[in-house]
Amino acid sequence: MTARPATPPRFYFNLRSPYNFFALHDAARNHPHLLDHVTWRPFWEPDPTSEKLLTQAAPAAAFPFHPMSRAKQFYILRDVRRLAADRGLTLTWPVDRNPWWEPAHLTWFLAEREGLGRTWVERASRARWLEGRDICDPATIRELAEEIGLDGTETDQAPHHPLIREQGTQALLDIHRDGVFGVPYFINGSEPYWGLDRLPAFAATLTTPTTETTTGTGLPDQPPAGRTTDMSHAGGCG
């Protein structure tokens, strides 16, 4: 019998979550090899088109979304401020007036094709959490994409391109099949690790050394603090 090929370690990332942003920061600082030795997979709240495509591909599949209580929203505000202070970061909370997460997350497929997947996640994350940029705005996404060398016109078309939507559908199916319900979410073999506080345990399971500490954080100098008014984070927090 032919042995089934091993599944590489996976990192489910999300550009909306502050906990995912902290995971990127901590991995770059404390486990610098980790992010180069995982398979990156996007996790985002699908729009109606993505939901329809997901249902057509697998009628039993559903995105694991649960509305957040007001009490949890207030808790997350406090928790994120503590975690940011512990890391010497001052976050600028963005205002998601018309949340549409496809532009930012589907652009990742374009970036990944060009070998810039990680670069895109880091740039979009900095824009959201250190610069207060609206990454649901296609104009913002185009500007950020062009900064890292992607084609602006192609970026504009990503949410409307059948092939990119097909890749997005497969990514949503991966979320369902891997049983992912929040971010950051790491998997090595059959072992899942959910949440920012599980990052060291996941890193310890990798055969590539990931315990060196560097002086950098993988993030640029941060701008001055801005408004902290985003109360809409819908879950998926570590």
C-alpha atoms as a PDB file:
ATOM      1  CA  MET A   1       0.000   0.000   0.000  1.00  0.00           C
ATOM      2  CA  THR A   2       1.297   3.425  -0.916  1.00  0.00           C
ATOM      3  CA  ALA A   3       1.742   5.616   2.138  1.00  0.00           C
ATOM      4  CA  ARG A   4      -0.332   8.769   2.221  1.00  0.00           C
ATOM      5  CA  PRO A   5       1.933  11.836   1.980  1.00  0.00           C
ATOM      6  CA  ALA A   6       2.314  13.747   5.212  1.00  0.00           C
ATOM      7  CA  THR A   7       0.325  16.954   5.480  1.00  0.00           C
ATOM      8  CA  PRO A   8       2.615  19.907   6.205  1.00  0.00           C
ATOM      9  CA  PRO A   9       2.034  22.040   9.302  1.00  0.00           C
ATOM     10  CA  ARG A  10      -0.676  24.624   8.650  1.00  0.00           C
ATOM     11  CA  PHE A  11      -1.306  28.144   9.873  1.00  0.00           C
ATOM     12  CA  TYR A  12      -4.818  29.512   9.428  1.00  0.00           C
ATOM     13  CA  PHE A  13      -4.562  33.282   9.403  1.00  0.00           C
ATOM     14  CA  ASN A  14      -7.118  36.082   9.379  1.00  0.00           C
ATOM     15  CA  LEU A  15      -6.539  39.746   8.582  1.00  0.00           C
ATOM     16  CA  ARG A  16      -9.369  40.929  10.793  1.00  0.00           C
ATOM     17  CA  SER A  17      -8.291  39.472  14.134  1.00  0.00           C
ATOM     18  CA  PRO A  18      -5.968  41.345  16.532  1.00  0.00           C
ATOM     19  CA  TYR A  19      -4.962  37.980  18.000  1.00  0.00           C
ATOM     20  CA  ASN A  20      -3.719  36.889  14.598  1.00  0.00           C
ATOM     21  CA  PHE A  21      -1.721  40.124  14.418  1.00  0.00           C
ATOM     22  CA  PHE A  22      -0.117  39.321  17.767  1.00  0.00           C
ATOM     23  CA  ALA A  23       0.654  35.781  16.584  1.00  0.00           C
ATOM     24  CA  LEU A  24       2.532  37.190  13.581  1.00  0.00           C
ATOM     25  CA  HIS A  25       4.429  39.525  15.900  1.00  0.00           C
ATOM     26  CA  ASP A  26       5.313  36.787  18.396  1.00  0.00           C
ATOM     27  CA  ALA A  27       6.300  34.263  15.746  1.00  0.00           C
ATOM     28  CA  ALA A  28       8.613  36.756  14.021  1.00  0.00           C
ATOM     29  CA  ARG A  29      10.194  37.691  17.337  1.00  0.00           C
ATOM     30  CA  ASN A  30      10.381  34.357  19.170  1.00  0.00           C
ATOM     31  CA  HIS A  31      10.161  31.679  16.468  1.00  0.00           C
ATOM     32  CA  PRO A  32      11.655  33.304  13.355  1.00  0.00           C
ATOM     33  CA  HIS A  33      11.786  30.124  11.262  1.00  0.00           C
ATOM     34  CA  LEU A  34       8.217  29.067  11.961  1.00  0.00           C
ATOM     35  CA  LEU A  35       6.443  31.282   9.447  1.00  0.00           C
ATOM     36  CA  ASP A  36       8.666  29.977   6.646  1.00  0.00           C
ATOM     37  CA  HIS A  37       7.905  26.342   7.465  1.00  0.00           C
ATOM     38  CA  VAL A  38       4.119  26.305   7.572  1.00  0.00           C
ATOM     39  CA  THR A  39       1.470  26.219   4.888  1.00  0.00           C
ATOM     40  CA  TRP A  40      -0.491  29.472   5.105  1.00  0.00           C
ATOM     41  CA  ARG A  41      -4.264  29.199   4.745  1.00  0.00           C
ATOM     42  CA  PRO A  42      -6.760  32.088   4.869  1.00  0.00           C
ATOM     43  CA  PHE A  43      -9.762  32.162   7.214  1.00  0.00           C
ATOM     44  CA  TRP A  44     -12.376  34.870   6.734  1.00  0.00           C
ATOM     45  CA  GLU A  45     -16.100  35.509   7.057  1.00  0.00           C
ATOM     46  CA  PRO A  46     -17.498  34.784   3.581  1.00  0.00           C
ATOM     47  CA  ASP A  47     -19.751  37.150   1.683  1.00  0.00           C
ATOM     48  CA  PRO A  48     -23.012  35.841   0.108  1.00  0.00           C
ATOM     49  CA  THR A  49     -21.206  34.821  -3.091  1.00  0.00           C
ATOM     50  CA  SER A  50     -18.613  32.811  -1.186  1.00  0.00           C
ATOM     51  CA  GLU A  51     -21.301  31.238   0.985  1.00  0.00           C
ATOM     52  CA  LYS A  52     -23.227  30.170  -2.117  1.00  0.00           C
ATOM     53  CA  LEU A  53     -20.122  28.681  -3.734  1.00  0.00           C
ATOM     54  CA  LEU A  54     -19.267  26.841  -0.518  1.00  0.00           C
ATOM     55  CA  THR A  55     -22.750  25.334  -0.277  1.00  0.00           C
ATOM     56  CA  GLN A  56     -22.638  24.284  -3.928  1.00  0.00           C
ATOM     57  CA  ALA A  57     -19.265  22.602  -3.419  1.00  0.00           C
ATOM     58  CA  ALA A  58     -20.269  20.824  -0.201  1.00  0.00           C
ATOM     59  CA  PRO A  59     -23.890  21.205   0.992  1.00  0.00           C
ATOM     60  CA  ALA A  60     -22.967  20.074   4.507  1.00  0.00           C
ATOM     61  CA  ALA A  61     -20.174  22.623   4.855  1.00  0.00           C
ATOM     62  CA  ALA A  62     -20.772  25.830   6.775  1.00  0.00           C
ATOM     63  CA  PHE A  63     -18.527  28.620   7.969  1.00  0.00           C
ATOM     64  CA  PRO A  64     -18.184  28.523  11.793  1.00  0.00           C
ATOM     65  CA  PHE A  65     -19.605  31.966  12.552  1.00  0.00           C
ATOM     66  CA  HIS A  66     -21.269  32.937  15.826  1.00  0.00           C
ATOM     67  CA  PRO A  67     -22.306  36.519  16.669  1.00  0.00           C
ATOM     68  CA  MET A  68     -20.333  38.018  19.542  1.00  0.00           C
ATOM     69  CA  SER A  69     -22.017  39.236  22.689  1.00  0.00           C
ATOM     70  CA  ARG A  70     -21.545  42.826  23.809  1.00  0.00           C
ATOM     71  CA  ALA A  71     -19.834  41.595  26.983  1.00  0.00           C
ATOM     72  CA  LYS A  72     -17.283  39.682  24.901  1.00  0.00           C
ATOM     73  CA  GLN A  73     -16.683  42.728  22.723  1.00  0.00           C
ATOM     74  CA  PHE A  74     -15.803  44.794  25.790  1.00  0.00           C
ATOM     75  CA  TYR A  75     -13.604  42.005  27.125  1.00  0.00           C
ATOM     76  CA  ILE A  76     -11.672  41.805  23.854  1.00  0.00           C
ATOM     77  CA  LEU A  77     -11.030  45.551  23.900  1.00  0.00           C
ATOM     78  CA  ARG A  78      -9.441  45.251  27.337  1.00  0.00           C
ATOM     79  CA  ASP A  79      -7.599  42.044  26.511  1.00  0.00           C
ATOM     80  CA  VAL A  80      -6.136  43.399  23.288  1.00  0.00           C
ATOM     81  CA  ARG A  81      -4.942  46.567  25.019  1.00  0.00           C
ATOM     82  CA  ARG A  82      -3.156  44.440  27.634  1.00  0.00           C
ATOM     83  CA  LEU A  83      -1.560  42.216  25.020  1.00  0.00           C
ATOM     84  CA  ALA A  84      -0.465  45.209  22.944  1.00  0.00           C
ATOM     85  CA  ALA A  85       1.072  46.908  25.991  1.00  0.00           C
ATOM     86  CA  ASP A  86       2.952  43.719  26.867  1.00  0.00           C
ATOM     87  CA  ARG A  87       4.521  43.838  23.396  1.00  0.00           C
ATOM     88  CA  GLY A  88       5.244  47.553  23.349  1.00  0.00           C
ATOM     89  CA  LEU A  89       2.685  48.114  20.585  1.00  0.00           C
ATOM     90  CA  THR A  90       0.084  50.849  20.293  1.00  0.00           C
ATOM     91  CA  LEU A  91      -2.766  49.659  18.128  1.00  0.00           C
ATOM     92  CA  THR A  92      -4.948  51.920  16.055  1.00  0.00           C
ATOM     93  CA  TRP A  93      -8.382  50.326  16.027  1.00  0.00           C
ATOM     94  CA  PRO A  94      -9.975  50.612  12.605  1.00  0.00           C
ATOM     95  CA  VAL A  95     -13.633  51.293  11.936  1.00  0.00           C
ATOM     96  CA  ASP A  96     -15.221  48.600   9.748  1.00  0.00           C
ATOM     97  CA  ARG A  97     -18.140  50.572   8.350  1.00  0.00           C
ATOM     98  CA  ASN A  98     -18.956  48.161   5.524  1.00  0.00           C
ATOM     99  CA  PRO A  99     -17.155  44.904   6.313  1.00  0.00           C
ATOM    100  CA  TRP A 100     -16.295  42.933   3.196  1.00  0.00           C
ATOM    101  CA  TRP A 101     -13.382  40.606   3.807  1.00  0.00           C
ATOM    102  CA  GLU A 102     -13.040  39.101   0.326  1.00  0.00           C
ATOM    103  CA  PRO A 103     -10.815  41.843  -1.188  1.00  0.00           C
ATOM    104  CA  ALA A 104      -8.116  41.467   1.460  1.00  0.00           C
ATOM    105  CA  HIS A 105      -8.208  37.681   1.732  1.00  0.00           C
ATOM    106  CA  LEU A 106      -8.671  36.839  -1.945  1.00  0.00           C
ATOM    107  CA  THR A 107      -5.759  39.135  -2.790  1.00  0.00           C
ATOM    108  CA  TRP A 108      -3.642  36.703  -0.799  1.00  0.00           C
ATOM    109  CA  PHE A 109      -4.037  34.150  -3.597  1.00  0.00           C
ATOM    110  CA  LEU A 110      -2.530  36.623  -6.051  1.00  0.00           C
ATOM    111  CA  ALA A 111       0.302  37.358  -3.644  1.00  0.00           C
ATOM    112  CA  GLU A 112       0.936  33.680  -2.952  1.00  0.00           C
ATOM    113  CA  ARG A 113       1.199  33.001  -6.672  1.00  0.00           C
ATOM    114  CA  GLU A 114       4.009  35.567  -6.835  1.00  0.00           C
ATOM    115  CA  GLY A 115       5.765  34.244  -3.741  1.00  0.00           C
ATOM    116  CA  LEU A 116       4.497  37.193  -1.695  1.00  0.00           C
ATOM    117  CA  GLY A 117       1.837  35.520   0.431  1.00  0.00           C
ATOM    118  CA  ARG A 118       3.508  36.163   3.760  1.00  0.00           C
ATOM    119  CA  THR A 119       4.502  39.657   2.655  1.00  0.00           C
ATOM    120  CA  TRP A 120       0.857  40.434   1.895  1.00  0.00           C
ATOM    121  CA  VAL A 121      -0.406  39.175   5.244  1.00  0.00           C
ATOM    122  CA  GLU A 122       2.185  41.188   7.125  1.00  0.00           C
ATOM    123  CA  ARG A 123       1.550  44.353   5.101  1.00  0.00           C
ATOM    124  CA  ALA A 124      -2.231  44.178   5.350  1.00  0.00           C
ATOM    125  CA  SER A 125      -1.992  43.394   9.067  1.00  0.00           C
ATOM    126  CA  ARG A 126       0.221  46.393   9.740  1.00  0.00           C
ATOM    127  CA  ALA A 127      -2.125  48.591   7.728  1.00  0.00           C
ATOM    128  CA  ARG A 128      -5.098  47.498   9.795  1.00  0.00           C
ATOM    129  CA  TRP A 129      -3.637  47.375  13.291  1.00  0.00           C
ATOM    130  CA  LEU A 130      -0.842  49.941  13.276  1.00  0.00           C
ATOM    131  CA  GLU A 131      -2.148  52.401  10.694  1.00  0.00           C
ATOM    132  CA  GLY A 132      -5.921  52.162  11.173  1.00  0.00           C
ATOM    133  CA  ARG A 133      -6.490  51.522   7.459  1.00  0.00           C
ATOM    134  CA  ASP A 134      -9.772  50.109   6.152  1.00  0.00           C
ATOM    135  CA  ILE A 135      -8.801  46.795   4.545  1.00  0.00           C
ATOM    136  CA  CYS A 136     -12.409  46.233   3.485  1.00  0.00           C
ATOM    137  CA  ASP A 137     -12.026  49.130   1.032  1.00  0.00           C
ATOM    138  CA  PRO A 138     -10.932  47.861  -2.403  1.00  0.00           C
ATOM    139  CA  ALA A 139      -9.068  51.127  -3.028  1.00  0.00           C
ATOM    140  CA  THR A 140      -6.980  50.541   0.099  1.00  0.00           C
ATOM    141  CA  ILE A 141      -6.315  46.956  -0.930  1.00  0.00           C
ATOM    142  CA  ARG A 142      -5.120  48.085  -4.361  1.00  0.00           C
ATOM    143  CA  GLU A 143      -2.764  50.634  -2.830  1.00  0.00           C
ATOM    144  CA  LEU A 144      -1.293  48.105  -0.396  1.00  0.00           C
ATOM    145  CA  ALA A 145      -1.004  45.432  -3.088  1.00  0.00           C
ATOM    146  CA  GLU A 146       0.859  47.775  -5.424  1.00  0.00           C
ATOM    147  CA  GLU A 147       3.231  48.618  -2.570  1.00  0.00           C
ATOM    148  CA  ILE A 148       4.423  45.009  -2.463  1.00  0.00           C
ATOM    149  CA  GLY A 149       4.601  44.647  -6.229  1.00  0.00           C
ATOM    150  CA  LEU A 150       1.213  43.216  -7.218  1.00  0.00           C
ATOM    151  CA  ASP A 151      -0.730  44.430 -10.235  1.00  0.00           C
ATOM    152  CA  GLY A 152      -3.391  46.914  -9.177  1.00  0.00           C
ATOM    153  CA  THR A 153      -5.869  46.074 -11.919  1.00  0.00           C
ATOM    154  CA  GLU A 154      -5.609  42.363 -11.177  1.00  0.00           C
ATOM    155  CA  THR A 155      -6.061  43.088  -7.491  1.00  0.00           C
ATOM    156  CA  ASP A 156      -9.247  45.037  -8.224  1.00  0.00           C
ATOM    157  CA  GLN A 157     -10.633  42.036 -10.105  1.00  0.00           C
ATOM    158  CA  ALA A 158      -9.695  39.389  -7.531  1.00  0.00           C
ATOM    159  CA  PRO A 159     -13.126  39.293  -5.785  1.00  0.00           C
ATOM    160  CA  HIS A 160     -14.830  38.978  -9.169  1.00  0.00           C
ATOM    161  CA  HIS A 161     -12.507  36.536 -10.924  1.00  0.00           C
ATOM    162  CA  PRO A 162     -13.930  32.995 -11.244  1.00  0.00           C
ATOM    163  CA  LEU A 163     -10.565  31.296 -10.693  1.00  0.00           C
ATOM    164  CA  ILE A 164      -9.804  33.315  -7.555  1.00  0.00           C
ATOM    165  CA  ARG A 165     -13.315  32.642  -6.256  1.00  0.00           C
ATOM    166  CA  GLU A 166     -12.735  28.942  -6.908  1.00  0.00           C
ATOM    167  CA  GLN A 167      -9.524  29.078  -4.882  1.00  0.00           C
ATOM    168  CA  GLY A 168     -11.404  30.897  -2.157  1.00  0.00           C
ATOM    169  CA  THR A 169     -14.069  28.203  -2.115  1.00  0.00           C
ATOM    170  CA  GLN A 170     -11.395  25.540  -1.701  1.00  0.00           C
ATOM    171  CA  ALA A 171      -9.924  27.522   1.186  1.00  0.00           C
ATOM    172  CA  LEU A 172     -13.339  27.636   2.887  1.00  0.00           C
ATOM    173  CA  LEU A 173     -13.649  23.878   2.362  1.00  0.00           C
ATOM    174  CA  ASP A 174     -10.247  23.426   4.013  1.00  0.00           C
ATOM    175  CA  ILE A 175     -11.521  25.375   7.012  1.00  0.00           C
ATOM    176  CA  HIS A 176     -14.498  23.026   7.248  1.00  0.00           C
ATOM    177  CA  ARG A 177     -12.494  19.837   6.745  1.00  0.00           C
ATOM    178  CA  ASP A 178      -9.791  20.816   9.230  1.00  0.00           C
ATOM    179  CA  GLY A 179     -12.393  21.741  11.837  1.00  0.00           C
ATOM    180  CA  VAL A 180     -11.067  25.277  12.197  1.00  0.00           C
ATOM    181  CA  PHE A 181     -13.304  27.572  14.229  1.00  0.00           C
ATOM    182  CA  GLY A 182     -11.118  30.561  15.053  1.00  0.00           C
ATOM    183  CA  VAL A 183      -7.715  32.152  14.581  1.00  0.00           C
ATOM    184  CA  PRO A 184      -4.849  31.962  14.926  1.00  0.00           C
ATOM    185  CA  TYR A 185      -5.150  28.223  14.358  1.00  0.00           C
ATOM    186  CA  PHE A 186      -2.180  25.927  13.878  1.00  0.00           C
ATOM    187  CA  ILE A 187      -2.149  22.245  12.937  1.00  0.00           C
ATOM    188  CA  ASN A 188       0.737  19.797  12.898  1.00  0.00           C
ATOM    189  CA  GLY A 189      -0.262  16.325  11.769  1.00  0.00           C
ATOM    190  CA  SER A 190      -3.514  15.620  13.546  1.00  0.00           C
ATOM    191  CA  GLU A 191      -2.816  17.976  16.456  1.00  0.00           C
ATOM    192  CA  PRO A 192      -4.602  21.357  16.440  1.00  0.00           C
ATOM    193  CA  TYR A 193      -3.508  24.425  18.406  1.00  0.00           C
ATOM    194  CA  TRP A 194      -6.001  27.269  18.700  1.00  0.00           C
ATOM    195  CA  GLY A 195      -5.157  30.701  19.985  1.00  0.00           C
ATOM    196  CA  LEU A 196      -2.266  33.041  20.558  1.00  0.00           C
ATOM    197  CA  ASP A 197      -1.251  31.283  23.773  1.00  0.00           C
ATOM    198  CA  ARG A 198      -0.813  27.960  21.918  1.00  0.00           C
ATOM    199  CA  LEU A 199       1.829  29.341  19.560  1.00  0.00           C
ATOM    200  CA  PRO A 200       4.815  28.178  21.704  1.00  0.00           C
ATOM    201  CA  ALA A 201       3.372  24.656  21.974  1.00  0.00           C
ATOM    202  CA  PHE A 202       2.870  24.477  18.222  1.00  0.00           C
ATOM    203  CA  ALA A 203       6.378  25.802  17.575  1.00  0.00           C
ATOM    204  CA  ALA A 204       7.791  23.094  19.815  1.00  0.00           C
ATOM    205  CA  THR A 205       6.275  20.385  17.614  1.00  0.00           C
ATOM    206  CA  LEU A 206       8.134  21.487  14.491  1.00  0.00           C
ATOM    207  CA  THR A 207      11.367  19.737  13.582  1.00  0.00           C
ATOM    208  CA  THR A 208      12.914  22.956  12.269  1.00  0.00           C
ATOM    209  CA  PRO A 209      14.468  24.957  15.130  1.00  0.00           C
ATOM    210  CA  THR A 210      12.107  27.777  16.012  1.00  0.00           C
ATOM    211  CA  THR A 211      13.251  28.944  19.420  1.00  0.00           C
ATOM    212  CA  GLU A 212      15.801  31.626  18.579  1.00  0.00           C
ATOM    213  CA  THR A 213      14.982  35.138  19.684  1.00  0.00           C
ATOM    214  CA  THR A 214      15.682  38.103  17.447  1.00  0.00           C
ATOM    215  CA  THR A 215      15.751  41.767  18.287  1.00  0.00           C
ATOM    216  CA  GLY A 216      13.315  42.673  15.536  1.00  0.00           C
ATOM    217  CA  THR A 217       9.573  42.087  15.480  1.00  0.00           C
ATOM    218  CA  GLY A 218       9.005  41.781  11.746  1.00  0.00           C
ATOM    219  CA  LEU A 219       6.978  45.010  11.962  1.00  0.00           C
ATOM    220  CA  PRO A 220       7.906  48.571  11.017  1.00  0.00           C
ATOM    221  CA  ASP A 221       7.896  51.525  13.379  1.00  0.00           C
ATOM    222  CA  GLN A 222       4.328  52.218  14.362  1.00  0.00           C
ATOM    223  CA  PRO A 223       2.506  55.521  13.811  1.00  0.00           C
ATOM    224  CA  PRO A 224       0.898  57.497  16.639  1.00  0.00           C
ATOM    225  CA  ALA A 225      -2.129  55.956  18.316  1.00  0.00           C
ATOM    226  CA  GLY A 226      -5.499  56.656  16.756  1.00  0.00           C
ATOM    227  CA  ARG A 227      -9.149  56.025  17.538  1.00  0.00           C
ATOM    228  CA  THR A 228     -10.144  52.792  19.209  1.00  0.00           C
ATOM    229  CA  THR A 229     -13.734  52.451  18.100  1.00  0.00           C
ATOM    230  CA  ASP A 230     -14.003  49.105  16.294  1.00  0.00           C
ATOM    231  CA  MET A 231     -16.467  47.065  18.342  1.00  0.00           C
ATOM    232  CA  SER A 232     -17.504  44.674  15.601  1.00  0.00           C
ATOM    233  CA  HIS A 233     -14.972  41.846  15.753  1.00  0.00           C
ATOM    234  CA  ALA A 234     -17.110  38.754  15.281  1.00  0.00           C
ATOM    235  CA  GLY A 235     -14.990  36.111  16.902  1.00  0.00           C
ATOM    236  CA  GLY A 236     -12.268  33.755  15.892  1.00  0.00           C
ATOM    237  CA  CYS A 237     -10.086  35.092  18.675  1.00  0.00           C
ATOM    238  CA  GLY A 238      -7.288  33.024  20.159  1.00  0.00           C
END
